[in-house]
Amino acid sequence: MRTAGYDEEFQEVRPRRAARATHPASPGVDVWLLLAVFTLLVFGALMVYSASWDFSLFVNDGDATATFRRQMMWLAVGVVVALIASYVDYHLYRKLAVPMMGVTVFLLVAVLAIGERRYNAVRTLADGSFSPSELAKVAIIIYLAVWLIAKRDRLSSFGFGMAPLGAIVGLVGGLIYLQPDLSAMITIGLLGGLLFFLAGGDLKQLVVLAAVVVAAGSVVVMGHPTGSNRMESYLEGIKDPTQADYHVRRSIEAFVNGGLFGVGIGRSDTKYTGLPVPPTDSIFAVVVEETGLVGAVGLISLYMLLLWRGMAIAQRAPDSLGMMLAAGLTLWIVMEAMINMSVMVGLLPFAGNALPFISVGGSNLVVTLGAIGIIMNVARHGQTPVLEAAPLPRRRPNAPDDMRRRERRRRVPRSGRAADAG
């Protein structure tokens, strides 16, 4: 029959084991990441409303709010996509990676065959509503994450590592180049090298890949009329800012007008006097002019907060696939933001990247929010330390009697001690 001592131990151990069994696999929502994304979306909606007013009058036959309304519609779609992605187990992408890449390649071919030509490029489908190159950026991250994890043990072999990686990235990047979309092509190449590095690829092969990409990219850019013009304007702007590209000169003018605290939301002048596409590529210039250096620093801080939380989620991921997905998607979003802002101040050649969560563009917004949903799902499965009590020592059923016996053995009769001393 169990004694009181055993029953007490059983009552203490059982709750600890039950808590371990029912503890959820996910720590829940990453509040700081959610807060950063929410703030970016609200601020982006405000800046789109401000920057698109005059632009929308000309593009939408006198409807000043059409661009803003369309962006809000895509925002609602993106939020739904993010919610669904946050609840879809990211391990499912092991099965979906190949079909997703196949659909992406098909859409990229369809763009070249039946896409609508706009601004001397063929990049969209469905009357300009969908850009497959935006989907390709997320698809290549998911596909390479799954593929690189499966081939991790053989990445050091050129035939199993670098060669297939180059073929995959080259196929997608080549189809995007034919549109042409040089910025998306360069982004795809950077993502391929970045994921190869995160998967533990050989550093020597990575250096060789970087050298080949830079050399091939230089040939492609200089051999393309758009790319060569942008590179020449960039080099001239480095030597003399007054000779920089017209786009960059107008952006710098907006920065100077903004000063420290800006001219106020909705009061930008450059968006009315010739700043190219203020709601899309140039929206960062409008942000700085209307909110000043303080607003620019605040916006950059939000992206840094997103970077911090995304990499923290990747570090806590329960497996390599979760780490690769969270890190790859986070770095892609922040990289797009840094490229856009660097172009506007003349630090990089003009690339045409969107500013995530801020620029007008339904495809970019929906795909970026879908990426956030995947990162959130990795966070839900992330590992968090669970504080548990140390195991209690096993006590025998007759613990009180046993303690008394040990106590009697330790005691020595007074007469015995005297005899030992003698």
Protein backbone atom coordinates (compact mmCIF):
# COMPACT_ATOMS: atom_id res chain seq x y z
CA MET A 1 0.00 0.00 0.00
CA ARG A 2 1.30 3.52 -0.91
CA THR A 3 2.23 5.71 2.00
CA ALA A 4 1.74 9.44 2.34
CA GLY A 5 5.29 10.18 1.19
CA TYR A 6 4.85 8.34 -2.11
CA ASP A 7 1.48 9.95 -2.74
CA GLU A 8 2.96 13.43 -2.25
CA GLU A 9 5.70 12.67 -4.77
CA PHE A 10 3.20 11.35 -7.32
CA GLN A 11 1.07 14.46 -6.98
CA GLU A 12 4.12 16.67 -7.61
CA VAL A 13 5.47 14.76 -10.62
CA ARG A 14 2.16 14.31 -12.47
CA PRO A 15 1.40 18.03 -13.00
CA ARG A 16 4.92 18.57 -14.35
CA ARG A 17 4.57 15.73 -16.86
CA ALA A 18 1.09 16.85 -17.88
CA ALA A 19 2.32 20.39 -18.46
CA ARG A 20 5.10 19.08 -20.68
CA ALA A 21 2.65 17.03 -22.73
CA THR A 22 0.13 19.84 -23.22
CA HIS A 23 2.61 22.64 -23.75
CA PRO A 24 1.87 24.04 -27.25
CA ALA A 25 4.43 23.53 -29.98
CA SER A 26 4.26 27.24 -30.79
CA PRO A 27 5.04 30.22 -28.58
CA GLY A 28 2.33 32.17 -30.42
CA VAL A 29 2.57 35.43 -32.31
CA ASP A 30 5.81 37.40 -32.31
CA VAL A 31 4.42 40.67 -31.00
CA TRP A 32 7.36 42.85 -32.05
CA LEU A 33 7.31 41.55 -35.62
CA LEU A 34 3.57 42.04 -35.80
CA LEU A 35 3.91 45.56 -34.41
CA ALA A 36 6.62 46.47 -36.97
CA VAL A 37 4.56 45.15 -39.90
CA PHE A 38 1.37 46.84 -38.68
CA THR A 39 3.13 50.18 -38.31
CA LEU A 40 4.69 49.87 -41.76
CA LEU A 41 1.30 49.10 -43.30
CA VAL A 42 -0.45 52.03 -41.62
CA PHE A 43 2.35 54.43 -42.49
CA GLY A 44 2.47 53.04 -46.02
CA ALA A 45 -1.27 53.59 -46.52
CA LEU A 46 -0.89 57.19 -45.34
CA MET A 47 2.03 57.85 -47.70
CA VAL A 48 0.30 56.19 -50.66
CA TYR A 49 -2.70 58.45 -50.13
CA SER A 50 -0.40 61.47 -50.04
CA ALA A 51 1.89 60.49 -52.93
CA SER A 52 -0.71 59.10 -55.36
CA TRP A 53 -3.19 61.98 -55.50
CA ASP A 54 -1.77 63.87 -58.48
CA PHE A 55 -0.39 60.72 -60.11
CA SER A 56 -3.82 59.05 -60.00
CA LEU A 57 -5.47 62.03 -61.71
CA PHE A 58 -3.46 61.39 -64.87
CA VAL A 59 -3.36 57.60 -64.78
CA ASN A 60 -7.02 56.98 -63.84
CA ASP A 61 -8.84 59.57 -65.96
CA GLY A 62 -9.30 62.21 -63.30
CA ASP A 63 -10.00 59.86 -60.34
CA ALA A 64 -7.63 61.13 -57.66
CA THR A 65 -8.23 58.28 -55.21
CA ALA A 66 -8.36 55.29 -57.57
CA THR A 67 -4.74 54.30 -56.94
CA PHE A 68 -5.22 54.52 -53.17
CA ARG A 69 -8.44 52.47 -53.27
CA ARG A 70 -6.79 49.79 -55.39
CA GLN A 71 -3.87 49.61 -52.96
CA MET A 72 -6.27 49.21 -50.02
CA MET A 73 -7.99 46.37 -51.85
CA TRP A 74 -4.66 44.58 -52.33
CA LEU A 75 -3.82 45.28 -48.70
CA ALA A 76 -6.98 43.43 -47.63
CA VAL A 77 -6.06 40.51 -49.91
CA GLY A 78 -2.52 40.48 -48.52
CA VAL A 79 -3.72 40.39 -44.92
CA VAL A 80 -5.91 37.37 -45.71
CA VAL A 81 -2.97 35.65 -47.43
CA ALA A 82 -0.73 36.39 -44.41
CA LEU A 83 -3.29 34.95 -41.98
CA ILE A 84 -3.64 31.77 -44.04
CA ALA A 85 0.13 31.39 -44.40
CA SER A 86 0.63 31.88 -40.66
CA TYR A 87 -1.53 28.80 -39.97
CA VAL A 88 -0.21 26.56 -42.76
CA ASP A 89 2.53 24.31 -41.36
CA TYR A 90 5.73 25.38 -43.11
CA HIS A 91 6.80 21.71 -43.39
CA LEU A 92 4.11 21.39 -46.07
CA TYR A 93 6.36 23.39 -48.40
CA ARG A 94 8.57 20.31 -48.76
CA LYS A 95 5.79 18.90 -50.97
CA LEU A 96 4.74 22.21 -52.51
CA ALA A 97 8.20 23.53 -53.47
CA VAL A 98 8.44 21.77 -56.84
CA PRO A 99 4.85 22.52 -57.97
CA MET A 100 5.24 26.12 -56.85
CA MET A 101 8.43 26.52 -58.84
CA GLY A 102 6.78 24.89 -61.86
CA VAL A 103 3.86 27.33 -61.70
CA THR A 104 6.27 30.24 -61.35
CA VAL A 105 8.27 29.22 -64.42
CA PHE A 106 5.04 28.77 -66.37
CA LEU A 107 3.86 32.27 -65.41
CA LEU A 108 7.21 33.79 -66.34
CA VAL A 109 6.95 32.17 -69.77
CA ALA A 110 3.34 33.32 -70.08
CA VAL A 111 4.41 36.91 -69.43
CA LEU A 112 6.77 36.77 -72.38
CA ALA A 113 4.09 35.20 -74.58
CA ILE A 114 0.90 37.13 -73.73
CA GLY A 115 1.97 39.85 -71.29
CA GLU A 116 1.08 43.47 -71.78
CA ARG A 117 3.91 45.84 -72.73
CA ARG A 118 4.17 48.85 -70.42
CA TYR A 119 7.06 51.31 -70.17
CA ASN A 120 9.06 49.32 -72.76
CA ALA A 121 8.82 46.11 -70.70
CA VAL A 122 6.56 43.05 -70.49
CA ARG A 123 6.27 42.20 -66.81
CA THR A 124 2.59 41.78 -65.90
CA LEU A 125 -0.49 39.69 -66.55
CA ALA A 126 -4.22 40.32 -66.06
CA ASP A 127 -4.21 43.91 -67.32
CA GLY A 128 -1.20 44.87 -65.23
CA SER A 129 -2.60 43.46 -61.97
CA PHE A 130 -0.10 40.65 -61.41
CA SER A 131 3.68 40.53 -61.73
CA PRO A 132 5.06 36.95 -61.71
CA SER A 133 8.58 38.22 -60.98
CA GLU A 134 7.42 39.17 -57.47
CA LEU A 135 6.11 35.66 -56.90
CA ALA A 136 9.38 34.26 -58.26
CA LYS A 137 11.34 35.86 -55.41
CA VAL A 138 9.41 33.99 -52.73
CA ALA A 139 9.17 30.81 -54.81
CA ILE A 140 12.94 30.67 -55.29
CA ILE A 141 13.49 31.10 -51.54
CA ILE A 142 11.09 28.26 -50.69
CA TYR A 143 12.43 25.97 -53.42
CA LEU A 144 16.09 26.55 -52.62
CA ALA A 145 15.47 26.19 -48.87
CA VAL A 146 13.91 22.75 -49.41
CA TRP A 147 16.46 21.70 -52.03
CA LEU A 148 19.55 22.88 -50.15
CA ILE A 149 18.45 21.18 -46.93
CA ALA A 150 17.93 17.92 -48.82
CA LYS A 151 21.39 18.19 -50.45
CA ARG A 152 23.25 19.63 -47.48
CA ASP A 153 25.61 16.65 -47.11
CA ARG A 154 26.73 17.00 -50.75
CA LEU A 155 26.87 20.77 -51.19
CA SER A 156 30.66 20.70 -51.20
CA SER A 157 30.54 18.69 -54.43
CA PHE A 158 30.35 20.93 -57.49
CA GLY A 159 28.09 18.49 -59.34
CA PHE A 160 25.55 18.32 -56.51
CA GLY A 161 25.88 21.84 -55.13
CA MET A 162 27.05 24.74 -57.25
CA ALA A 163 26.09 23.41 -60.69
CA PRO A 164 22.41 22.62 -59.93
CA LEU A 165 22.10 25.87 -57.95
CA GLY A 166 23.43 27.85 -60.90
CA ALA A 167 21.01 26.08 -63.25
CA ILE A 168 17.98 26.81 -61.05
CA VAL A 169 18.85 30.44 -60.42
CA GLY A 170 19.96 30.92 -64.03
CA LEU A 171 16.66 29.61 -65.42
CA VAL A 172 14.49 31.88 -63.28
CA GLY A 173 16.82 34.86 -63.58
CA GLY A 174 17.09 34.41 -67.37
CA LEU A 175 13.30 34.43 -67.83
CA ILE A 176 13.07 37.60 -65.74
CA TYR A 177 15.88 39.21 -67.73
CA LEU A 178 13.94 38.71 -70.96
CA GLN A 179 11.06 40.87 -69.67
CA PRO A 180 13.37 42.82 -68.95
CA ASP A 181 13.45 43.31 -65.17
CA LEU A 182 17.11 43.74 -64.24
CA SER A 183 16.46 44.53 -60.56
CA ALA A 184 14.42 41.35 -60.04
CA MET A 185 17.06 39.30 -61.90
CA ILE A 186 19.82 40.65 -59.64
CA THR A 187 17.66 40.00 -56.56
CA ILE A 188 17.17 36.37 -57.61
CA GLY A 189 20.94 35.93 -57.99
CA LEU A 190 21.63 37.47 -54.58
CA LEU A 191 19.02 35.26 -52.93
CA GLY A 192 20.58 32.15 -54.47
CA GLY A 193 24.03 32.95 -53.08
CA LEU A 194 22.62 33.99 -49.71
CA LEU A 195 20.66 30.77 -49.23
CA PHE A 196 23.65 28.70 -50.36
CA PHE A 197 25.69 30.38 -47.63
CA LEU A 198 22.98 29.87 -44.97
CA ALA A 199 22.76 26.18 -45.87
CA GLY A 200 26.45 25.74 -45.10
CA GLY A 201 27.78 25.75 -48.66
CA ASP A 202 31.49 25.69 -49.31
CA LEU A 203 32.99 29.17 -48.91
CA LYS A 204 35.36 28.72 -51.86
CA GLN A 205 32.48 27.81 -54.14
CA LEU A 206 30.54 30.80 -52.82
CA VAL A 207 33.42 33.14 -53.67
CA VAL A 208 33.63 31.64 -57.15
CA LEU A 209 29.86 32.02 -57.54
CA ALA A 210 30.02 35.66 -56.45
CA ALA A 211 32.79 36.38 -58.94
CA VAL A 212 30.90 34.67 -61.77
CA VAL A 213 27.66 36.48 -60.89
CA VAL A 214 29.38 39.87 -60.77
CA ALA A 215 31.16 39.25 -64.08
CA ALA A 216 28.07 37.89 -65.81
CA GLY A 217 25.88 40.60 -64.31
CA SER A 218 28.23 43.30 -65.55
CA VAL A 219 28.17 41.88 -69.07
CA VAL A 220 24.38 41.59 -69.04
CA VAL A 221 23.82 45.07 -67.63
CA MET A 222 26.27 46.78 -69.94
CA GLY A 223 24.95 44.81 -72.89
CA HIS A 224 21.38 45.93 -72.26
CA PRO A 225 20.41 49.49 -73.29
CA THR A 226 18.52 50.22 -70.08
CA GLY A 227 21.22 48.76 -67.87
CA SER A 228 24.08 50.54 -69.63
CA ASN A 229 22.28 53.90 -69.44
CA ARG A 230 21.62 53.46 -65.73
CA MET A 231 25.21 52.47 -65.04
CA GLU A 232 26.59 55.44 -66.97
CA SER A 233 24.27 57.82 -65.10
CA TYR A 234 25.31 56.26 -61.80
CA LEU A 235 29.03 56.65 -62.50
CA GLU A 236 28.54 60.24 -63.61
CA GLY A 237 26.55 60.96 -60.46
CA ILE A 238 29.32 59.55 -58.28
CA LYS A 239 31.80 61.96 -59.89
CA ASP A 240 29.44 64.95 -59.89
CA PRO A 241 25.99 64.81 -58.17
CA THR A 242 24.71 67.56 -60.50
CA GLN A 243 25.23 65.17 -63.43
CA ALA A 244 23.36 62.29 -61.82
CA ASP A 245 20.24 60.76 -63.30
CA TYR A 246 17.20 63.08 -63.37
CA HIS A 247 15.36 60.72 -61.03
CA VAL A 248 18.12 60.88 -58.44
CA ARG A 249 18.46 64.66 -58.71
CA ARG A 250 14.76 65.16 -58.03
CA SER A 251 14.93 62.75 -55.08
CA ILE A 252 17.86 64.63 -53.55
CA GLU A 253 15.88 67.84 -54.02
CA ALA A 254 13.05 66.30 -52.01
CA PHE A 255 15.49 65.31 -49.24
CA VAL A 256 16.84 68.86 -49.05
CA ASN A 257 13.31 70.31 -48.89
CA GLY A 258 12.37 67.94 -46.08
CA GLY A 259 15.11 69.02 -43.71
CA LEU A 260 14.95 67.64 -40.19
CA PHE A 261 11.20 67.42 -39.56
CA GLY A 262 9.73 67.65 -43.07
CA VAL A 263 7.17 69.97 -44.65
CA GLY A 264 4.18 67.99 -43.39
CA ILE A 265 2.10 65.08 -44.69
CA GLY A 266 0.54 65.95 -48.04
CA ARG A 267 2.63 69.10 -48.59
CA SER A 268 5.39 67.74 -50.81
CA ASP A 269 6.19 69.89 -53.84
CA THR A 270 8.39 67.54 -55.88
CA LYS A 271 5.58 65.00 -56.34
CA TYR A 272 3.72 67.74 -58.29
CA THR A 273 6.70 69.12 -60.21
CA GLY A 274 8.16 66.14 -62.02
CA LEU A 275 9.36 63.54 -59.49
CA PRO A 276 9.01 60.28 -61.49
CA VAL A 277 6.34 57.81 -60.26
CA PRO A 278 6.05 59.17 -56.70
CA PRO A 279 3.72 56.40 -55.39
CA THR A 280 6.01 53.56 -56.48
CA ASP A 281 9.79 53.76 -56.99
CA SER A 282 10.12 57.31 -55.59
CA ILE A 283 7.88 57.07 -52.55
CA PHE A 284 10.86 57.18 -50.17
CA ALA A 285 11.68 60.66 -51.52
CA VAL A 286 8.12 61.75 -50.70
CA VAL A 287 8.44 60.22 -47.22
CA VAL A 288 11.62 62.18 -46.49
CA GLU A 289 10.27 65.45 -47.89
CA GLU A 290 7.07 65.25 -45.85
CA THR A 291 8.45 63.75 -42.62
CA GLY A 292 12.07 64.85 -42.77
CA LEU A 293 15.16 63.10 -41.52
CA VAL A 294 13.25 62.05 -38.39
CA GLY A 295 10.70 60.19 -40.49
CA ALA A 296 13.42 58.53 -42.57
CA VAL A 297 15.22 57.31 -39.45
CA GLY A 298 11.94 56.05 -38.02
CA LEU A 299 11.18 54.11 -41.21
CA ILE A 300 14.65 52.57 -41.30
CA SER A 301 14.26 51.63 -37.62
CA LEU A 302 11.07 49.72 -38.43
CA TYR A 303 12.92 47.68 -41.05
CA MET A 304 15.73 47.03 -38.56
CA LEU A 305 13.14 45.86 -36.02
CA LEU A 306 11.74 43.51 -38.66
CA LEU A 307 15.26 42.23 -39.38
CA TRP A 308 15.95 41.63 -35.69
CA ARG A 309 12.74 39.72 -35.07
CA GLY A 310 12.98 37.72 -38.29
CA MET A 311 16.50 36.54 -37.50
CA ALA A 312 15.51 35.80 -33.90
CA ILE A 313 12.68 33.61 -35.20
CA ALA A 314 15.13 31.87 -37.53
CA GLN A 315 17.46 31.21 -34.60
CA ARG A 316 14.62 29.65 -32.57
CA ALA A 317 13.34 27.55 -35.47
CA PRO A 318 13.01 23.86 -34.54
CA ASP A 319 14.74 22.63 -37.71
CA SER A 320 16.90 23.73 -40.62
CA LEU A 321 13.97 24.28 -42.98
CA GLY A 322 12.34 26.73 -40.59
CA MET A 323 15.65 28.54 -40.13
CA MET A 324 16.22 28.82 -43.88
CA LEU A 325 12.70 30.05 -44.60
CA ALA A 326 12.60 32.64 -41.82
CA ALA A 327 16.10 33.96 -42.50
CA GLY A 328 15.77 33.96 -46.28
CA LEU A 329 12.40 35.74 -46.35
CA THR A 330 13.45 38.28 -43.74
CA LEU A 331 16.69 39.13 -45.50
CA TRP A 332 14.88 39.44 -48.82
CA ILE A 333 12.36 41.98 -47.47
CA VAL A 334 15.02 44.08 -45.76
CA MET A 335 17.33 43.84 -48.78
CA GLU A 336 14.56 45.19 -51.04
CA ALA A 337 14.03 48.10 -48.67
CA MET A 338 17.73 48.93 -48.42
CA ILE A 339 18.17 48.83 -52.21
CA ASN A 340 15.20 51.14 -52.78
CA MET A 341 16.37 53.70 -50.24
CA SER A 342 20.01 53.51 -51.39
CA VAL A 343 18.98 54.16 -54.99
CA MET A 344 17.03 57.27 -53.99
CA VAL A 345 20.13 58.83 -52.42
CA GLY A 346 22.43 57.81 -55.28
CA LEU A 347 24.38 55.10 -53.46
CA LEU A 348 23.37 52.41 -55.96
CA PRO A 349 22.45 52.43 -59.65
CA PHE A 350 18.75 52.82 -60.31
CA ALA A 351 17.12 49.42 -59.83
CA GLY A 352 13.36 49.93 -59.70
CA ASN A 353 12.80 47.88 -56.51
CA ALA A 354 9.65 48.55 -54.56
CA LEU A 355 9.81 49.76 -50.96
CA PRO A 356 8.14 46.88 -49.07
CA PHE A 357 4.80 47.72 -47.40
CA ILE A 358 5.05 51.32 -48.63
CA SER A 359 5.20 51.47 -52.44
CA VAL A 360 2.12 51.06 -54.61
CA GLY A 361 1.97 47.60 -56.15
CA GLY A 362 -0.51 44.82 -55.49
CA SER A 363 1.76 41.89 -56.37
CA ASN A 364 4.61 43.09 -54.17
CA LEU A 365 2.32 43.84 -51.23
CA VAL A 366 0.49 40.51 -51.33
CA VAL A 367 3.66 38.46 -51.81
CA THR A 368 5.48 40.34 -49.03
CA LEU A 369 2.60 39.84 -46.60
CA GLY A 370 2.51 36.16 -47.56
CA ALA A 371 6.21 35.96 -46.66
CA ILE A 372 5.43 37.55 -43.28
CA GLY A 373 2.78 34.88 -42.74
CA ILE A 374 5.34 32.13 -43.37
CA ILE A 375 7.75 33.75 -40.92
CA MET A 376 4.94 33.93 -38.36
CA ASN A 377 4.26 30.22 -38.84
CA VAL A 378 7.91 29.43 -38.16
CA ALA A 379 7.59 31.55 -35.02
CA ARG A 380 4.54 29.54 -33.94
CA HIS A 381 6.63 26.37 -34.13
CA GLY A 382 9.71 28.01 -32.60
CA GLN A 383 11.49 26.68 -29.57
CA THR A 384 11.11 28.56 -26.32
CA PRO A 385 12.73 27.52 -23.04
CA VAL A 386 10.24 25.91 -20.69
CA LEU A 387 11.13 26.26 -17.01
CA GLU A 388 10.50 22.96 -15.25
CA ALA A 389 11.24 21.89 -11.71
CA ALA A 390 14.11 19.49 -11.17
CA PRO A 391 13.09 15.84 -10.67
CA LEU A 392 12.30 15.07 -7.06
CA PRO A 393 14.34 12.30 -5.38
CA ARG A 394 12.59 8.95 -5.14
CA ARG A 395 11.63 8.17 -1.57
CA ARG A 396 10.93 4.71 -0.31
CA PRO A 397 7.45 3.89 0.94
CA ASN A 398 8.81 3.51 4.52
CA ALA A 399 10.79 6.75 4.37
CA PRO A 400 10.15 7.82 7.99
CA ASP A 401 11.31 4.44 9.37
CA ASP A 402 14.33 4.44 7.06
CA MET A 403 15.38 7.89 8.21
CA ARG A 404 15.19 6.78 11.82
CA ARG A 405 17.33 3.70 11.07
CA ARG A 406 20.01 5.85 9.38
CA GLU A 407 19.94 8.22 12.34
CA ARG A 408 20.47 5.32 14.78
CA ARG A 409 23.42 4.05 12.75
CA ARG A 410 25.09 7.45 12.90
CA ARG A 411 24.73 7.56 16.70
CA VAL A 412 27.45 5.81 18.75
CA PRO A 413 26.89 4.93 22.46
CA ARG A 414 28.79 7.06 24.90
CA SER A 415 30.50 3.99 26.35
CA GLY A 416 31.51 2.87 22.85
CA ARG A 417 33.09 6.27 22.10
CA ALA A 418 35.03 6.09 25.36
CA ALA A 419 36.31 2.62 24.51
CA ASP A 420 37.40 3.75 21.03
CA ALA A 421 39.22 6.72 22.50
CA GLY A 422 40.99 4.42 24.96
